[in-house]
Amino acid sequence: MRASALEHTDLTNFILCHVLRAADEVIDQAEHVVLSERDSLRVLDLLDHPPAPNTRLMTAARALPEKI
């Protein structure tokens, strides 16, 4: 109660504000991947030089419908 009074808001708004902030933080952490410099360079290298598709990938691609 004291914290909400210090922020000049009622308890419900105080709780909602802080819960929503915490929820945004959880979502942000779940949706972002932090890579080391080595891993970042590896991803960039793979984007520039992708490996040739293997048999399983080609089979899966052929199984896709013509139009999605």
C-alpha atoms as a PDB file:
ATOM      1  CA  MET A   1       0.000   0.000   0.000  1.00  0.00           C
ATOM      2  CA  ARG A   2       2.802   2.392   0.823  1.00  0.00           C
ATOM      3  CA  ALA A   3       4.475   1.915  -2.561  1.00  0.00           C
ATOM      4  CA  SER A   4       1.248   2.637  -4.427  1.00  0.00           C
ATOM      5  CA  ALA A   5       0.725   5.747  -2.298  1.00  0.00           C
ATOM      6  CA  LEU A   6       4.250   6.916  -3.097  1.00  0.00           C
ATOM      7  CA  GLU A   7       3.429   6.620  -6.791  1.00  0.00           C
ATOM      8  CA  HIS A   8       0.087   8.390  -6.271  1.00  0.00           C
ATOM      9  CA  THR A   9      -1.980   5.509  -7.616  1.00  0.00           C
ATOM     10  CA  ASP A  10      -4.346   2.949  -6.191  1.00  0.00           C
ATOM     11  CA  LEU A  11      -3.184  -0.552  -5.306  1.00  0.00           C
ATOM     12  CA  THR A  12      -4.864  -2.198  -8.313  1.00  0.00           C
ATOM     13  CA  ASN A  13      -3.178   0.123 -10.820  1.00  0.00           C
ATOM     14  CA  PHE A  14       0.137  -0.216  -9.026  1.00  0.00           C
ATOM     15  CA  ILE A  15      -0.013  -4.017  -9.160  1.00  0.00           C
ATOM     16  CA  LEU A  16      -1.175  -4.082 -12.792  1.00  0.00           C
ATOM     17  CA  CYS A  17       1.572  -1.717 -13.869  1.00  0.00           C
ATOM     18  CA  HIS A  18       4.308  -3.792 -12.249  1.00  0.00           C
ATOM     19  CA  VAL A  19       2.885  -7.149 -13.307  1.00  0.00           C
ATOM     20  CA  LEU A  20       2.611  -6.010 -16.925  1.00  0.00           C
ATOM     21  CA  ARG A  21       6.194  -4.731 -16.812  1.00  0.00           C
ATOM     22  CA  ALA A  22       7.358  -8.085 -15.438  1.00  0.00           C
ATOM     23  CA  ALA A  23       5.348  -9.962 -18.081  1.00  0.00           C
ATOM     24  CA  ASP A  24       6.918  -7.884 -20.854  1.00  0.00           C
ATOM     25  CA  GLU A  25      10.346  -8.719 -19.480  1.00  0.00           C
ATOM     26  CA  VAL A  26       9.585 -12.465 -19.440  1.00  0.00           C
ATOM     27  CA  ILE A  27       8.329 -12.326 -23.035  1.00  0.00           C
ATOM     28  CA  ASP A  28      11.332 -10.273 -24.130  1.00  0.00           C
ATOM     29  CA  GLN A  29      13.753 -12.777 -22.617  1.00  0.00           C
ATOM     30  CA  ALA A  30      11.926 -15.706 -24.225  1.00  0.00           C
ATOM     31  CA  GLU A  31      11.901 -14.129 -27.691  1.00  0.00           C
ATOM     32  CA  HIS A  32      15.501 -12.916 -27.883  1.00  0.00           C
ATOM     33  CA  VAL A  33      18.558 -15.064 -28.296  1.00  0.00           C
ATOM     34  CA  VAL A  34      21.928 -13.757 -27.211  1.00  0.00           C
ATOM     35  CA  LEU A  35      24.838 -15.228 -29.141  1.00  0.00           C
ATOM     36  CA  SER A  36      28.511 -15.129 -28.383  1.00  0.00           C
ATOM     37  CA  GLU A  37      30.759 -13.427 -30.931  1.00  0.00           C
ATOM     38  CA  ARG A  38      31.863 -16.845 -32.194  1.00  0.00           C
ATOM     39  CA  ASP A  39      28.269 -18.030 -32.623  1.00  0.00           C
ATOM     40  CA  SER A  40      27.277 -14.767 -34.330  1.00  0.00           C
ATOM     41  CA  LEU A  41      30.092 -15.183 -36.824  1.00  0.00           C
ATOM     42  CA  ARG A  42      29.048 -18.796 -37.429  1.00  0.00           C
ATOM     43  CA  VAL A  43      25.440 -17.747 -38.171  1.00  0.00           C
ATOM     44  CA  LEU A  44      26.627 -15.034 -40.560  1.00  0.00           C
ATOM     45  CA  ASP A  45      28.928 -17.503 -42.301  1.00  0.00           C
ATOM     46  CA  LEU A  46      26.080 -19.994 -42.708  1.00  0.00           C
ATOM     47  CA  LEU A  47      23.860 -17.271 -44.160  1.00  0.00           C
ATOM     48  CA  ASP A  48      26.570 -16.360 -46.666  1.00  0.00           C
ATOM     49  CA  HIS A  49      27.480 -19.984 -47.410  1.00  0.00           C
ATOM     50  CA  PRO A  50      24.489 -22.244 -46.702  1.00  0.00           C
ATOM     51  CA  PRO A  51      25.117 -25.991 -46.774  1.00  0.00           C
ATOM     52  CA  ALA A  52      23.703 -28.004 -49.643  1.00  0.00           C
ATOM     53  CA  PRO A  53      20.278 -29.496 -48.901  1.00  0.00           C
ATOM     54  CA  ASN A  54      20.411 -33.101 -47.750  1.00  0.00           C
ATOM     55  CA  THR A  55      18.088 -35.929 -48.801  1.00  0.00           C
ATOM     56  CA  ARG A  56      15.687 -35.467 -45.895  1.00  0.00           C
ATOM     57  CA  LEU A  57      15.266 -31.766 -46.660  1.00  0.00           C
ATOM     58  CA  MET A  58      14.672 -32.424 -50.360  1.00  0.00           C
ATOM     59  CA  THR A  59      12.088 -35.116 -49.524  1.00  0.00           C
ATOM     60  CA  ALA A  60      10.292 -32.743 -47.144  1.00  0.00           C
ATOM     61  CA  ALA A  61      10.316 -29.971 -49.758  1.00  0.00           C
ATOM     62  CA  ARG A  62       8.792 -32.263 -52.386  1.00  0.00           C
ATOM     63  CA  ALA A  63       6.057 -33.242 -49.916  1.00  0.00           C
ATOM     64  CA  LEU A  64       4.915 -29.624 -49.547  1.00  0.00           C
ATOM     65  CA  PRO A  65       1.802 -28.571 -51.427  1.00  0.00           C
ATOM     66  CA  GLU A  66       2.323 -26.411 -54.530  1.00  0.00           C
ATOM     67  CA  LYS A  67       0.542 -23.427 -52.977  1.00  0.00           C
ATOM     68  CA  ILE A  68       0.561 -22.599 -49.322  1.00  0.00           C
END
